[in-house]
Amino acid sequence: MQSTEIIYQVNENLSNIINQINSNLTIDTDIIEMSKQIDLLLEELMSEIEKSN
């Protein structure tokens, strides 16, 4: 599986998790913060993959 496909699947799974959490929490700021952290992690992961290629 190509790294871009892996990233896509990770992102999709994380989005699903966020949606599930969001439906069970009332504090939107927590969700926003988690989303930002996930975005940063995915950017870092992409950067690392590009370096290794």
N, C-alpha and C. Protein backbone atom coordinates (compact mmCIF):
# COMPACT_ATOMS: atom_id res chain seq x y z
N MET A 1 0.84 -1.19 0.00
CA MET A 1 0.00 0.00 0.00
C MET A 1 0.88 1.25 0.00
N GLN A 2 0.53 2.22 -0.81
CA GLN A 2 1.33 3.43 -0.89
C GLN A 2 1.11 4.30 0.34
N SER A 3 2.13 5.07 0.66
CA SER A 3 2.06 5.91 1.87
C SER A 3 0.91 6.90 1.80
N THR A 4 0.63 7.41 0.60
CA THR A 4 -0.49 8.36 0.50
C THR A 4 -1.82 7.69 0.81
N GLU A 5 -1.96 6.44 0.42
CA GLU A 5 -3.18 5.70 0.74
C GLU A 5 -3.28 5.45 2.24
N ILE A 6 -2.15 5.15 2.86
CA ILE A 6 -2.13 4.96 4.31
C ILE A 6 -2.57 6.23 5.01
N ILE A 7 -2.02 7.36 4.57
CA ILE A 7 -2.38 8.64 5.17
C ILE A 7 -3.86 8.91 4.99
N TYR A 8 -4.37 8.64 3.81
CA TYR A 8 -5.79 8.85 3.55
C TYR A 8 -6.64 8.03 4.52
N GLN A 9 -6.29 6.78 4.70
CA GLN A 9 -7.06 5.91 5.57
C GLN A 9 -6.97 6.34 7.03
N VAL A 10 -5.77 6.74 7.44
CA VAL A 10 -5.59 7.24 8.81
C VAL A 10 -6.47 8.46 9.02
N ASN A 11 -6.44 9.37 8.08
CA ASN A 11 -7.24 10.58 8.19
C ASN A 11 -8.73 10.27 8.24
N GLU A 12 -9.16 9.35 7.42
CA GLU A 12 -10.57 8.96 7.40
C GLU A 12 -10.99 8.35 8.73
N ASN A 13 -10.14 7.48 9.26
CA ASN A 13 -10.43 6.85 10.54
C ASN A 13 -10.48 7.87 11.67
N LEU A 14 -9.54 8.79 11.66
CA LEU A 14 -9.53 9.82 12.69
C LEU A 14 -10.75 10.71 12.59
N SER A 15 -11.17 11.01 11.40
CA SER A 15 -12.38 11.82 11.20
C SER A 15 -13.60 11.10 11.77
N ASN A 16 -13.67 9.81 11.53
CA ASN A 16 -14.78 9.03 12.08
C ASN A 16 -14.76 9.03 13.60
N ILE A 17 -13.57 8.91 14.17
CA ILE A 17 -13.43 8.93 15.63
C ILE A 17 -13.89 10.28 16.17
N ILE A 18 -13.45 11.35 15.53
CA ILE A 18 -13.85 12.69 15.98
C ILE A 18 -15.36 12.85 15.91
N ASN A 19 -15.96 12.37 14.85
CA ASN A 19 -17.42 12.47 14.73
C ASN A 19 -18.12 11.71 15.84
N GLN A 20 -17.61 10.55 16.18
CA GLN A 20 -18.20 9.77 17.26
C GLN A 20 -18.05 10.48 18.59
N ILE A 21 -16.87 11.02 18.84
CA ILE A 21 -16.63 11.74 20.08
C ILE A 21 -17.52 12.98 20.14
N ASN A 22 -17.59 13.68 19.03
CA ASN A 22 -18.38 14.91 18.97
C ASN A 22 -19.84 14.65 19.30
N SER A 23 -20.36 13.51 18.92
CA SER A 23 -21.75 13.20 19.20
C SER A 23 -21.99 12.90 20.67
N ASN A 24 -20.90 12.66 21.40
CA ASN A 24 -21.04 12.33 22.82
C ASN A 24 -20.54 13.42 23.75
N LEU A 25 -19.98 14.48 23.19
CA LEU A 25 -19.48 15.58 24.02
C LEU A 25 -20.23 16.86 23.70
N THR A 26 -20.29 17.73 24.69
CA THR A 26 -20.95 19.01 24.48
C THR A 26 -19.96 20.15 24.34
N ILE A 27 -18.69 19.90 24.66
CA ILE A 27 -17.68 20.96 24.62
C ILE A 27 -16.98 20.93 23.26
N ASP A 28 -17.38 21.83 22.39
CA ASP A 28 -16.84 21.85 21.04
C ASP A 28 -15.36 22.21 20.99
N THR A 29 -14.90 23.00 21.94
CA THR A 29 -13.49 23.41 21.92
C THR A 29 -12.55 22.22 22.06
N ASP A 30 -12.95 21.22 22.81
CA ASP A 30 -12.12 20.02 22.93
C ASP A 30 -11.97 19.34 21.57
N ILE A 31 -13.06 19.25 20.84
CA ILE A 31 -13.02 18.62 19.53
C ILE A 31 -12.14 19.42 18.58
N ILE A 32 -12.28 20.74 18.62
CA ILE A 32 -11.47 21.59 17.75
C ILE A 32 -9.99 21.41 18.06
N GLU A 33 -9.65 21.37 19.33
CA GLU A 33 -8.25 21.20 19.72
C GLU A 33 -7.71 19.84 19.28
N MET A 34 -8.49 18.81 19.47
CA MET A 34 -8.05 17.48 19.03
C MET A 34 -7.87 17.44 17.52
N SER A 35 -8.76 18.08 16.81
CA SER A 35 -8.65 18.12 15.35
C SER A 35 -7.36 18.82 14.93
N LYS A 36 -7.03 19.91 15.59
CA LYS A 36 -5.80 20.64 15.27
C LYS A 36 -4.58 19.76 15.53
N GLN A 37 -4.60 19.05 16.65
CA GLN A 37 -3.47 18.18 16.97
C GLN A 37 -3.32 17.07 15.94
N ILE A 38 -4.44 16.49 15.54
CA ILE A 38 -4.40 15.44 14.52
C ILE A 38 -3.86 15.98 13.21
N ASP A 39 -4.31 17.18 12.83
CA ASP A 39 -3.80 17.80 11.61
C ASP A 39 -2.29 17.97 11.66
N LEU A 40 -1.79 18.44 12.79
CA LEU A 40 -0.35 18.62 12.94
C LEU A 40 0.40 17.30 12.86
N LEU A 41 -0.16 16.28 13.48
CA LEU A 41 0.48 14.96 13.44
C LEU A 41 0.51 14.41 12.02
N LEU A 42 -0.57 14.59 11.30
CA LEU A 42 -0.60 14.10 9.93
C LEU A 42 0.39 14.86 9.05
N GLU A 43 0.51 16.16 9.27
CA GLU A 43 1.50 16.93 8.52
C GLU A 43 2.91 16.43 8.81
N GLU A 44 3.17 16.16 10.07
CA GLU A 44 4.48 15.66 10.46
C GLU A 44 4.75 14.29 9.84
N LEU A 45 3.74 13.45 9.86
CA LEU A 45 3.88 12.12 9.28
C LEU A 45 4.15 12.21 7.78
N MET A 46 3.44 13.06 7.09
CA MET A 46 3.67 13.26 5.66
C MET A 46 5.10 13.74 5.40
N SER A 47 5.56 14.64 6.22
CA SER A 47 6.91 15.16 6.08
C SER A 47 7.95 14.05 6.26
N GLU A 48 7.74 13.22 7.25
CA GLU A 48 8.66 12.11 7.49
C GLU A 48 8.66 11.12 6.33
N ILE A 49 7.49 10.85 5.80
CA ILE A 49 7.39 9.93 4.67
C ILE A 49 8.11 10.49 3.45
N GLU A 50 7.93 11.78 3.20
CA GLU A 50 8.60 12.41 2.07
C GLU A 50 10.12 12.36 2.23
N LYS A 51 10.60 12.55 3.44
CA LYS A 51 12.05 12.49 3.69
C LYS A 51 12.59 11.09 3.41
N SER A 52 11.81 10.08 3.73
CA SER A 52 12.29 8.71 3.58
C SER A 52 12.24 8.22 2.14
N ASN A 53 11.51 8.92 1.29
CA ASN A 53 11.38 8.47 -0.11
C ASN A 53 12.48 8.98 -0.97
